[in-house]
Amino acid sequence: DGILSLVSVGASLYWLFNFEQIILRIGNFNQVDFIVGGIVIVLVLEAT
């Protein structure tokens, strides 16, 4: 649970640390973007 807490915080804040790059990549996301997005979806469901 401690690990999940850290991962959820890091993945959720992906927008904070990569805001400008993500905005420039809209419509052309890379593999890391999709992996982080998938992790957040799973963590949101598990937390819920």
All heavy atoms as atom14 arrays in JSON, in Angstrom:
{
  "sequence": "DGILSLVSVGASLYWLFNFEQIILRIGNFNQVDFIVGGIVIVLVLEAT",
  "atom14_mask": [
    [1, 1, 1, 1, 1, 1, 1, 1, 0, 0, 0, 0, 0, 0],
    [1, 1, 1, 1, 0, 0, 0, 0, 0, 0, 0, 0, 0, 0],
    [1, 1, 1, 1, 1, 1, 1, 1, 0, 0, 0, 0, 0, 0],
    [1, 1, 1, 1, 1, 1, 1, 1, 0, 0, 0, 0, 0, 0],
    [1, 1, 1, 1, 1, 1, 0, 0, 0, 0, 0, 0, 0, 0],
    [1, 1, 1, 1, 1, 1, 1, 1, 0, 0, 0, 0, 0, 0],
    [1, 1, 1, 1, 1, 1, 1, 0, 0, 0, 0, 0, 0, 0],
    [1, 1, 1, 1, 1, 1, 0, 0, 0, 0, 0, 0, 0, 0],
    [1, 1, 1, 1, 1, 1, 1, 0, 0, 0, 0, 0, 0, 0],
    [1, 1, 1, 1, 0, 0, 0, 0, 0, 0, 0, 0, 0, 0],
    [1, 1, 1, 1, 1, 0, 0, 0, 0, 0, 0, 0, 0, 0],
    [1, 1, 1, 1, 1, 1, 0, 0, 0, 0, 0, 0, 0, 0],
    [1, 1, 1, 1, 1, 1, 1, 1, 0, 0, 0, 0, 0, 0],
    [1, 1, 1, 1, 1, 1, 1, 1, 1, 1, 1, 1, 0, 0],
    [1, 1, 1, 1, 1, 1, 1, 1, 1, 1, 1, 1, 1, 1],
    [1, 1, 1, 1, 1, 1, 1, 1, 0, 0, 0, 0, 0, 0],
    [1, 1, 1, 1, 1, 1, 1, 1, 1, 1, 1, 0, 0, 0],
    [1, 1, 1, 1, 1, 1, 1, 1, 0, 0, 0, 0, 0, 0],
    [1, 1, 1, 1, 1, 1, 1, 1, 1, 1, 1, 0, 0, 0],
    [1, 1, 1, 1, 1, 1, 1, 1, 1, 0, 0, 0, 0, 0],
    [1, 1, 1, 1, 1, 1, 1, 1, 1, 0, 0, 0, 0, 0],
    [1, 1, 1, 1, 1, 1, 1, 1, 0, 0, 0, 0, 0, 0],
    [1, 1, 1, 1, 1, 1, 1, 1, 0, 0, 0, 0, 0, 0],
    [1, 1, 1, 1, 1, 1, 1, 1, 0, 0, 0, 0, 0, 0],
    [1, 1, 1, 1, 1, 1, 1, 1, 1, 1, 1, 0, 0, 0],
    [1, 1, 1, 1, 1, 1, 1, 1, 0, 0, 0, 0, 0, 0],
    [1, 1, 1, 1, 0, 0, 0, 0, 0, 0, 0, 0, 0, 0],
    [1, 1, 1, 1, 1, 1, 1, 1, 0, 0, 0, 0, 0, 0],
    [1, 1, 1, 1, 1, 1, 1, 1, 1, 1, 1, 0, 0, 0],
    [1, 1, 1, 1, 1, 1, 1, 1, 0, 0, 0, 0, 0, 0],
    [1, 1, 1, 1, 1, 1, 1, 1, 1, 0, 0, 0, 0, 0],
    [1, 1, 1, 1, 1, 1, 1, 0, 0, 0, 0, 0, 0, 0],
    [1, 1, 1, 1, 1, 1, 1, 1, 0, 0, 0, 0, 0, 0],
    [1, 1, 1, 1, 1, 1, 1, 1, 1, 1, 1, 0, 0, 0],
    [1, 1, 1, 1, 1, 1, 1, 1, 0, 0, 0, 0, 0, 0],
    [1, 1, 1, 1, 1, 1, 1, 0, 0, 0, 0, 0, 0, 0],
    [1, 1, 1, 1, 0, 0, 0, 0, 0, 0, 0, 0, 0, 0],
    [1, 1, 1, 1, 0, 0, 0, 0, 0, 0, 0, 0, 0, 0],
    [1, 1, 1, 1, 1, 1, 1, 1, 0, 0, 0, 0, 0, 0],
    [1, 1, 1, 1, 1, 1, 1, 0, 0, 0, 0, 0, 0, 0],
    [1, 1, 1, 1, 1, 1, 1, 1, 0, 0, 0, 0, 0, 0],
    [1, 1, 1, 1, 1, 1, 1, 0, 0, 0, 0, 0, 0, 0],
    [1, 1, 1, 1, 1, 1, 1, 1, 0, 0, 0, 0, 0, 0],
    [1, 1, 1, 1, 1, 1, 1, 0, 0, 0, 0, 0, 0, 0],
    [1, 1, 1, 1, 1, 1, 1, 1, 0, 0, 0, 0, 0, 0],
    [1, 1, 1, 1, 1, 1, 1, 1, 1, 0, 0, 0, 0, 0],
    [1, 1, 1, 1, 1, 0, 0, 0, 0, 0, 0, 0, 0, 0],
    [1, 1, 1, 1, 1, 1, 1, 0, 0, 0, 0, 0, 0, 0]
  ],
  "atom14_positions": [
    [[0.83, -1.21, 0.0], [0.0, 0.0, 0.0], [0.86, 1.26, 0.0], [0.5, 2.27, -0.6], [-0.94, 0.01, 1.2], [-2.09, -0.97, 1.04], [-2.31, -1.44, -0.09], [-2.76, -1.29, 2.04], [0.0, 0.0, 0.0], [0.0, 0.0, 0.0], [0.0, 0.0, 0.0], [0.0, 0.0, 0.0], [0.0, 0.0, 0.0], [0.0, 0.0, 0.0]],
    [[1.99, 1.19, 0.69], [2.92, 2.32, 0.67], [3.45, 2.57, -0.73], [3.55, 3.72, -1.18], [0.0, 0.0, 0.0], [0.0, 0.0, 0.0], [0.0, 0.0, 0.0], [0.0, 0.0, 0.0], [0.0, 0.0, 0.0], [0.0, 0.0, 0.0], [0.0, 0.0, 0.0], [0.0, 0.0, 0.0], [0.0, 0.0, 0.0], [0.0, 0.0, 0.0]],
    [[3.77, 1.47, -1.43], [4.26, 1.59, -2.81], [3.16, 2.15, -3.72], [3.41, 3.04, -4.54], [4.74, 0.2, -3.33], [5.97, -0.25, -2.52], [5.06, 0.27, -4.82], [6.4, -1.68, -2.81], [0.0, 0.0, 0.0], [0.0, 0.0, 0.0], [0.0, 0.0, 0.0], [0.0, 0.0, 0.0], [0.0, 0.0, 0.0], [0.0, 0.0, 0.0]],
    [[1.93, 1.61, -3.55], [0.81, 2.1, -4.37], [0.55, 3.58, -4.12], [0.21, 4.32, -5.05], [-0.45, 1.29, -4.06], [-0.5, -0.14, -4.61], [-1.75, -0.86, -4.11], [-0.48, -0.14, -6.14], [0.0, 0.0, 0.0], [0.0, 0.0, 0.0], [0.0, 0.0, 0.0], [0.0, 0.0, 0.0], [0.0, 0.0, 0.0], [0.0, 0.0, 0.0]],
    [[0.71, 4.01, -2.88], [0.51, 5.42, -2.55], [1.52, 6.29, -3.29], [1.15, 7.32, -3.89], [0.65, 5.63, -1.03], [0.49, 6.99, -0.7], [0.0, 0.0, 0.0], [0.0, 0.0, 0.0], [0.0, 0.0, 0.0], [0.0, 0.0, 0.0], [0.0, 0.0, 0.0], [0.0, 0.0, 0.0], [0.0, 0.0, 0.0], [0.0, 0.0, 0.0]],
    [[2.78, 5.88, -3.27], [3.82, 6.64, -3.96], [3.61, 6.66, -5.47], [3.74, 7.71, -6.13], [5.2, 6.05, -3.63], [5.71, 6.27, -2.2], [6.98, 5.47, -1.96], [5.97, 7.76, -1.95], [0.0, 0.0, 0.0], [0.0, 0.0, 0.0], [0.0, 0.0, 0.0], [0.0, 0.0, 0.0], [0.0, 0.0, 0.0], [0.0, 0.0, 0.0]],
    [[3.28, 5.48, -6.03], [3.06, 5.39, -7.48], [1.87, 6.24, -7.9], [1.91, 6.94, -8.92], [2.85, 3.91, -7.9], [2.42, 3.83, -9.37], [4.12, 3.11, -7.68], [0.0, 0.0, 0.0], [0.0, 0.0, 0.0], [0.0, 0.0, 0.0], [0.0, 0.0, 0.0], [0.0, 0.0, 0.0], [0.0, 0.0, 0.0], [0.0, 0.0, 0.0]],
    [[0.79, 6.21, -7.11], [-0.41, 6.98, -7.45], [-0.14, 8.48, -7.43], [-0.62, 9.22, -8.3], [-1.56, 6.63, -6.5], [-1.26, 7.0, -5.18], [0.0, 0.0, 0.0], [0.0, 0.0, 0.0], [0.0, 0.0, 0.0], [0.0, 0.0, 0.0], [0.0, 0.0, 0.0], [0.0, 0.0, 0.0], [0.0, 0.0, 0.0], [0.0, 0.0, 0.0]],
    [[0.65, 8.92, -6.46], [1.0, 10.34, -6.4], [1.85, 10.72, -7.61], [1.6, 11.73, -8.29], [1.75, 10.67, -5.09], [2.29, 12.09, -5.13], [0.82, 10.5, -3.89], [0.0, 0.0, 0.0], [0.0, 0.0, 0.0], [0.0, 0.0, 0.0], [0.0, 0.0, 0.0], [0.0, 0.0, 0.0], [0.0, 0.0, 0.0], [0.0, 0.0, 0.0]],
    [[2.87, 9.9, -7.9], [3.76, 10.2, -9.03], [3.03, 10.19, -10.36], [3.2, 11.1, -11.18], [0.0, 0.0, 0.0], [0.0, 0.0, 0.0], [0.0, 0.0, 0.0], [0.0, 0.0, 0.0], [0.0, 0.0, 0.0], [0.0, 0.0, 0.0], [0.0, 0.0, 0.0], [0.0, 0.0, 0.0], [0.0, 0.0, 0.0], [0.0, 0.0, 0.0]],
    [[2.19, 9.17, -10.56], [1.46, 9.06, -11.83], [0.44, 10.19, -11.99], [0.26, 10.73, -13.08], [0.78, 7.7, -11.92], [0.0, 0.0, 0.0], [0.0, 0.0, 0.0], [0.0, 0.0, 0.0], [0.0, 0.0, 0.0], [0.0, 0.0, 0.0], [0.0, 0.0, 0.0], [0.0, 0.0, 0.0], [0.0, 0.0, 0.0], [0.0, 0.0, 0.0]],
    [[-0.23, 10.54, -10.88], [-1.23, 11.61, -10.96], [-0.59, 12.95, -11.26], [-1.19, 13.81, -11.92], [-2.0, 11.69, -9.63], [-2.71, 10.5, -9.38], [0.0, 0.0, 0.0], [0.0, 0.0, 0.0], [0.0, 0.0, 0.0], [0.0, 0.0, 0.0], [0.0, 0.0, 0.0], [0.0, 0.0, 0.0], [0.0, 0.0, 0.0], [0.0, 0.0, 0.0]],
    [[0.64, 13.15, -10.75], [1.33, 14.43, -10.96], [2.1, 14.48, -12.28], [2.86, 15.42, -12.51], [2.28, 14.7, -9.78], [1.6, 14.94, -8.42], [2.65, 15.19, -7.35], [0.64, 16.12, -8.49], [0.0, 0.0, 0.0], [0.0, 0.0, 0.0], [0.0, 0.0, 0.0], [0.0, 0.0, 0.0], [0.0, 0.0, 0.0], [0.0, 0.0, 0.0]],
    [[1.93, 13.47, -13.12], [2.58, 13.45, -14.43], [2.22, 14.7, -15.23], [3.05, 15.26, -15.94], [2.15, 12.18, -15.17], [2.87, 11.94, -16.47], [4.22, 11.57, -16.49], [2.21, 12.04, -17.7], [4.89, 11.33, -17.68], [2.86, 11.8, -18.89], [4.21, 11.44, -18.88], [4.86, 11.21, -20.06], [0.0, 0.0, 0.0], [0.0, 0.0, 0.0]],
    [[0.99, 15.14, -15.09], [0.55, 16.37, -15.75], [1.32, 17.58, -15.23], [1.7, 18.48, -16.0], [-0.95, 16.6, -15.49], [-1.86, 16.14, -16.59], [-2.7, 15.07, -16.57], [-2.04, 16.76, -17.86], [-3.4, 14.98, -17.75], [-3.02, 16.02, -18.57], [-1.49, 17.88, -18.48], [-3.44, 16.34, -19.85], [-1.91, 18.21, -19.77], [-2.87, 17.45, -20.44]],
    [[1.56, 17.62, -13.91], [2.24, 18.77, -13.3], [3.64, 18.95, -13.86], [4.07, 20.07, -14.18], [2.29, 18.58, -11.78], [3.09, 19.62, -10.99], [2.46, 21.0, -11.11], [3.17, 19.21, -9.51], [0.0, 0.0, 0.0], [0.0, 0.0, 0.0], [0.0, 0.0, 0.0], [0.0, 0.0, 0.0], [0.0, 0.0, 0.0], [0.0, 0.0, 0.0]],
    [[4.37, 17.84, -14.0], [5.78, 17.92, -14.4], [5.98, 17.91, -15.92], [7.09, 18.18, -16.4], [6.57, 16.76, -13.78], [6.56, 16.78, -12.28], [5.95, 15.77, -11.56], [7.14, 17.84, -11.58], [5.94, 15.79, -10.17], [7.12, 17.87, -10.2], [6.51, 16.85, -9.49], [0.0, 0.0, 0.0], [0.0, 0.0, 0.0], [0.0, 0.0, 0.0]],
    [[4.92, 17.59, -16.67], [5.08, 17.49, -18.13], [3.98, 18.25, -18.87], [3.61, 17.89, -19.99], [5.03, 16.01, -18.56], [6.14, 15.19, -17.94], [7.26, 15.16, -18.42], [5.81, 14.51, -16.84], [0.0, 0.0, 0.0], [0.0, 0.0, 0.0], [0.0, 0.0, 0.0], [0.0, 0.0, 0.0], [0.0, 0.0, 0.0], [0.0, 0.0, 0.0]],
    [[3.48, 19.31, -18.24], [2.3, 20.0, -18.79], [2.54, 20.52, -20.2], [1.77, 20.21, -21.13], [1.91, 21.15, -17.86], [0.72, 21.93, -18.34], [-0.55, 21.38, -18.32], [0.87, 23.23, -18.84], [-1.65, 22.1, -18.76], [-0.23, 23.95, -19.28], [-1.49, 23.38, -19.25], [0.0, 0.0, 0.0], [0.0, 0.0, 0.0], [0.0, 0.0, 0.0]],
    [[3.59, 21.28, -20.41], [3.83, 21.89, -21.72], [4.1, 20.84, -22.79], [3.6, 20.94, -23.92], [5.0, 22.87, -21.63], [4.68, 24.11, -20.8], [5.83, 25.11, -20.79], [6.85, 24.85, -21.47], [5.71, 26.14, -20.11], [0.0, 0.0, 0.0], [0.0, 0.0, 0.0], [0.0, 0.0, 0.0], [0.0, 0.0, 0.0], [0.0, 0.0, 0.0]],
    [[4.88, 19.8, -22.43], [5.19, 18.74, -23.4], [3.94, 17.98, -23.81], [3.75, 17.63, -24.99], [6.23, 17.76, -22.83], [7.58, 18.4, -22.56], [7.7, 18.91, -21.13], [6.75, 19.48, -20.59], [8.87, 18.71, -20.54], [0.0, 0.0, 0.0], [0.0, 0.0, 0.0], [0.0, 0.0, 0.0], [0.0, 0.0, 0.0], [0.0, 0.0, 0.0]],
    [[3.05, 17.7, -22.82], [1.82, 16.96, -23.13], [0.92, 17.78, -24.04], [0.34, 17.25, -24.99], [1.08, 16.59, -21.83], [1.88, 15.56, -21.03], [-0.31, 16.02, -22.14], [1.3, 15.26, -19.65], [0.0, 0.0, 0.0], [0.0, 0.0, 0.0], [0.0, 0.0, 0.0], [0.0, 0.0, 0.0], [0.0, 0.0, 0.0], [0.0, 0.0, 0.0]],
    [[0.82, 19.08, -23.75], [-0.01, 19.96, -24.59], [0.5, 19.94, -26.03], [-0.29, 19.88, -26.99], [-0.01, 21.41, -24.05], [-0.71, 21.47, -22.68], [-0.69, 22.35, -25.05], [-2.18, 21.1, -22.71], [0.0, 0.0, 0.0], [0.0, 0.0, 0.0], [0.0, 0.0, 0.0], [0.0, 0.0, 0.0], [0.0, 0.0, 0.0], [0.0, 0.0, 0.0]],
    [[1.83, 19.95, -26.21], [2.41, 19.93, -27.55], [2.21, 18.58, -28.23], [2.18, 18.5, -29.47], [3.91, 20.26, -27.48], [4.27, 21.7, -27.07], [5.77, 21.84, -26.87], [3.77, 22.69, -28.12], [0.0, 0.0, 0.0], [0.0, 0.0, 0.0], [0.0, 0.0, 0.0], [0.0, 0.0, 0.0], [0.0, 0.0, 0.0], [0.0, 0.0, 0.0]],
    [[2.08, 17.49, -27.4], [1.95, 16.14, -27.97], [0.49, 15.71, -28.16], [0.24, 14.56, -28.53], [2.63, 15.11, -27.06], [4.13, 15.14, -27.08], [4.72, 13.84, -26.57], [4.34, 13.55, -25.2], [5.05, 13.91, -24.12], [6.16, 14.63, -24.29], [4.66, 13.59, -22.92], [0.0, 0.0, 0.0], [0.0, 0.0, 0.0], [0.0, 0.0, 0.0]],
    [[-0.49, 16.57, -27.89], [-1.89, 16.18, -27.99], [-2.18, 15.63, -29.39], [-1.87, 16.26, -30.4], [-2.83, 17.38, -27.68], [-2.86, 17.62, -26.17], [-4.26, 17.11, -28.19], [-3.73, 18.77, -25.74], [0.0, 0.0, 0.0], [0.0, 0.0, 0.0], [0.0, 0.0, 0.0], [0.0, 0.0, 0.0], [0.0, 0.0, 0.0], [0.0, 0.0, 0.0]],
    [[-2.75, 14.43, -29.41], [-3.03, 13.76, -30.68], [-1.88, 12.9, -31.15], [-2.02, 12.13, -32.11], [0.0, 0.0, 0.0], [0.0, 0.0, 0.0], [0.0, 0.0, 0.0], [0.0, 0.0, 0.0], [0.0, 0.0, 0.0], [0.0, 0.0, 0.0], [0.0, 0.0, 0.0], [0.0, 0.0, 0.0], [0.0, 0.0, 0.0], [0.0, 0.0, 0.0]],
    [[-0.73, 13.0, -30.46], [0.44, 12.21, -30.85], [1.22, 11.77, -29.6], [2.41, 12.0, -29.48], [1.34, 13.04, -31.79], [2.44, 12.2, -32.41], [2.28, 11.01, -32.64], [3.58, 12.83, -32.68], [0.0, 0.0, 0.0], [0.0, 0.0, 0.0], [0.0, 0.0, 0.0], [0.0, 0.0, 0.0], [0.0, 0.0, 0.0], [0.0, 0.0, 0.0]],
    [[0.49, 11.13, -28.68], [1.09, 10.74, -27.41], [2.08, 9.61, -27.6], [1.93, 8.76, -28.49], [-0.01, 10.31, -26.42], [-1.0, 11.41, -26.1], [-2.33, 11.28, -26.45], [-0.58, 12.56, -25.47], [-3.25, 12.28, -26.16], [-1.48, 13.58, -25.18], [-2.81, 13.44, -25.53], [0.0, 0.0, 0.0], [0.0, 0.0, 0.0], [0.0, 0.0, 0.0]],
    [[3.12, 9.58, -26.73], [4.12, 8.51, -26.81], [3.77, 7.35, -25.89], [2.77, 7.39, -25.16], [5.52, 9.06, -26.51], [5.61, 9.66, -25.11], [5.0, 9.17, -24.16], [6.38, 10.75, -24.98], [0.0, 0.0, 0.0], [0.0, 0.0, 0.0], [0.0, 0.0, 0.0], [0.0, 0.0, 0.0], [0.0, 0.0, 0.0], [0.0, 0.0, 0.0]],
    [[4.62, 6.34, -25.9], [4.32, 5.11, -25.15], [4.3, 5.36, -23.64], [3.47, 4.8, -22.92], [5.36, 4.03, -25.49], [4.97, 2.64, -24.96], [5.89, 1.56, -25.49], [6.89, 1.85, -26.13], [5.55, 0.31, -25.22], [0.0, 0.0, 0.0], [0.0, 0.0, 0.0], [0.0, 0.0, 0.0], [0.0, 0.0, 0.0], [0.0, 0.0, 0.0]],
    [[5.18, 6.23, -23.15], [5.21, 6.54, -21.71], [3.9, 7.19, -21.28], [3.35, 6.88, -20.22], [6.4, 7.47, -21.38], [6.36, 7.89, -19.91], [7.71, 6.77, -21.68], [0.0, 0.0, 0.0], [0.0, 0.0, 0.0], [0.0, 0.0, 0.0], [0.0, 0.0, 0.0], [0.0, 0.0, 0.0], [0.0, 0.0, 0.0], [0.0, 0.0, 0.0]],
    [[3.39, 8.07, -22.11], [2.11, 8.72, -21.82], [1.01, 7.69, -21.61], [0.24, 7.76, -20.64], [1.7, 9.66, -22.96], [2.63, 10.85, -23.11], [3.29, 11.21, -22.12], [2.69, 11.42, -24.22], [0.0, 0.0, 0.0], [0.0, 0.0, 0.0], [0.0, 0.0, 0.0], [0.0, 0.0, 0.0], [0.0, 0.0, 0.0], [0.0, 0.0, 0.0]],
    [[0.94, 6.71, -22.53], [-0.12, 5.7, -22.43], [0.06, 4.81, -21.21], [-0.91, 4.42, -20.56], [-0.16, 4.85, -23.71], [-0.72, 5.58, -24.89], [0.04, 5.74, -26.05], [-2.0, 6.11, -24.86], [-0.47, 6.43, -27.15], [-2.52, 6.8, -25.95], [-1.75, 6.95, -27.1], [0.0, 0.0, 0.0], [0.0, 0.0, 0.0], [0.0, 0.0, 0.0]],
    [[1.31, 4.48, -20.89], [1.57, 3.64, -19.72], [1.14, 4.36, -18.44], [0.46, 3.78, -17.59], [3.07, 3.25, -19.65], [3.42, 2.29, -20.78], [3.39, 2.61, -18.29], [4.9, 1.99, -20.9], [0.0, 0.0, 0.0], [0.0, 0.0, 0.0], [0.0, 0.0, 0.0], [0.0, 0.0, 0.0], [0.0, 0.0, 0.0], [0.0, 0.0, 0.0]],
    [[1.52, 5.63, -18.32], [1.14, 6.42, -17.14], [-0.38, 6.55, -17.06], [-0.99, 6.37, -16.0], [1.8, 7.82, -17.16], [1.24, 8.69, -16.03], [3.31, 7.69, -17.02], [0.0, 0.0, 0.0], [0.0, 0.0, 0.0], [0.0, 0.0, 0.0], [0.0, 0.0, 0.0], [0.0, 0.0, 0.0], [0.0, 0.0, 0.0], [0.0, 0.0, 0.0]],
    [[-1.02, 6.85, -18.19], [-2.47, 6.97, -18.22], [-3.15, 5.68, -17.8], [-4.13, 5.69, -17.03], [0.0, 0.0, 0.0], [0.0, 0.0, 0.0], [0.0, 0.0, 0.0], [0.0, 0.0, 0.0], [0.0, 0.0, 0.0], [0.0, 0.0, 0.0], [0.0, 0.0, 0.0], [0.0, 0.0, 0.0], [0.0, 0.0, 0.0], [0.0, 0.0, 0.0]],
    [[-2.66, 4.54, -18.3], [-3.22, 3.24, -17.92], [-3.06, 2.96, -16.45], [-3.98, 2.44, -15.79], [0.0, 0.0, 0.0], [0.0, 0.0, 0.0], [0.0, 0.0, 0.0], [0.0, 0.0, 0.0], [0.0, 0.0, 0.0], [0.0, 0.0, 0.0], [0.0, 0.0, 0.0], [0.0, 0.0, 0.0], [0.0, 0.0, 0.0], [0.0, 0.0, 0.0]],
    [[-1.89, 3.31, -15.88], [-1.64, 3.1, -14.45], [-2.62, 3.93, -13.61], [-3.19, 3.43, -12.63], [-0.18, 3.47, -14.1], [0.78, 2.43, -14.69], [0.01, 3.56, -12.58], [2.25, 2.81, -14.55], [0.0, 0.0, 0.0], [0.0, 0.0, 0.0], [0.0, 0.0, 0.0], [0.0, 0.0, 0.0], [0.0, 0.0, 0.0], [0.0, 0.0, 0.0]],
    [[-2.83, 5.18, -13.99], [-3.74, 6.04, -13.24], [-5.17, 5.49, -13.27], [-5.86, 5.46, -12.24], [-3.72, 7.49, -13.78], [-4.83, 8.32, -13.15], [-2.37, 8.14, -13.51], [0.0, 0.0, 0.0], [0.0, 0.0, 0.0], [0.0, 0.0, 0.0], [0.0, 0.0, 0.0], [0.0, 0.0, 0.0], [0.0, 0.0, 0.0], [0.0, 0.0, 0.0]],
    [[-5.61, 5.0, -14.43], [-6.96, 4.44, -14.52], [-7.11, 3.26, -13.56], [-8.1, 3.16, -12.82], [-7.26, 4.0, -15.97], [-7.4, 5.22, -16.88], [-8.55, 3.17, -16.02], [-7.48, 4.88, -18.35], [0.0, 0.0, 0.0], [0.0, 0.0, 0.0], [0.0, 0.0, 0.0], [0.0, 0.0, 0.0], [0.0, 0.0, 0.0], [0.0, 0.0, 0.0]],
    [[-6.13, 2.36, -13.56], [-6.18, 1.18, -12.67], [-6.16, 1.6, -11.21], [-6.93, 1.07, -10.38], [-5.0, 0.22, -12.97], [-4.94, -0.9, -11.93], [-5.14, -0.37, -14.37], [0.0, 0.0, 0.0], [0.0, 0.0, 0.0], [0.0, 0.0, 0.0], [0.0, 0.0, 0.0], [0.0, 0.0, 0.0], [0.0, 0.0, 0.0], [0.0, 0.0, 0.0]],
    [[-5.3, 2.56, -10.85], [-5.19, 3.01, -9.46], [-6.46, 3.73, -9.01], [-6.89, 3.58, -7.86], [-3.98, 3.94, -9.3], [-2.61, 3.25, -9.41], [-1.49, 4.28, -9.38], [-2.41, 2.25, -8.27], [0.0, 0.0, 0.0], [0.0, 0.0, 0.0], [0.0, 0.0, 0.0], [0.0, 0.0, 0.0], [0.0, 0.0, 0.0], [0.0, 0.0, 0.0]],
    [[-7.08, 4.5, -9.89], [-8.35, 5.16, -9.55], [-9.41, 4.12, -9.23], [-10.15, 4.23, -8.25], [-8.81, 6.09, -10.7], [-10.28, 6.46, -10.54], [-7.97, 7.35, -10.74], [0.0, 0.0, 0.0], [0.0, 0.0, 0.0], [0.0, 0.0, 0.0], [0.0, 0.0, 0.0], [0.0, 0.0, 0.0], [0.0, 0.0, 0.0], [0.0, 0.0, 0.0]],
    [[-9.5, 3.08, -10.07], [-10.49, 2.03, -9.85], [-10.23, 1.28, -8.54], [-11.16, 0.97, -7.79], [-10.5, 1.06, -11.03], [-11.01, 1.63, -12.37], [-10.82, 0.62, -13.49], [-12.47, 2.03, -12.26], [0.0, 0.0, 0.0], [0.0, 0.0, 0.0], [0.0, 0.0, 0.0], [0.0, 0.0, 0.0], [0.0, 0.0, 0.0], [0.0, 0.0, 0.0]],
    [[-8.97, 0.98, -8.26], [-8.64, 0.26, -7.03], [-8.91, 1.12, -5.79], [-9.45, 0.65, -4.79], [-7.18, -0.19, -7.05], [-6.64, -0.75, -5.74], [-7.4, -1.95, -5.19], [-8.19, -2.56, -5.93], [-7.19, -2.28, -4.01], [0.0, 0.0, 0.0], [0.0, 0.0, 0.0], [0.0, 0.0, 0.0], [0.0, 0.0, 0.0], [0.0, 0.0, 0.0]],
    [[-8.55, 2.39, -5.86], [-8.81, 3.29, -4.73], [-10.31, 3.42, -4.5], [-10.78, 3.43, -3.35], [-8.19, 4.67, -5.0], [0.0, 0.0, 0.0], [0.0, 0.0, 0.0], [0.0, 0.0, 0.0], [0.0, 0.0, 0.0], [0.0, 0.0, 0.0], [0.0, 0.0, 0.0], [0.0, 0.0, 0.0], [0.0, 0.0, 0.0], [0.0, 0.0, 0.0]],
    [[-11.08, 3.5, -5.57], [-12.53, 3.61, -5.45], [-13.11, 2.34, -4.84], [-14.04, 2.41, -4.02], [-13.17, 3.87, -6.83], [-12.57, 5.04, -7.4], [-14.66, 4.09, -6.72], [0.0, 0.0, 0.0], [0.0, 0.0, 0.0], [0.0, 0.0, 0.0], [0.0, 0.0, 0.0], [0.0, 0.0, 0.0], [0.0, 0.0, 0.0], [0.0, 0.0, 0.0]]
  ]
}
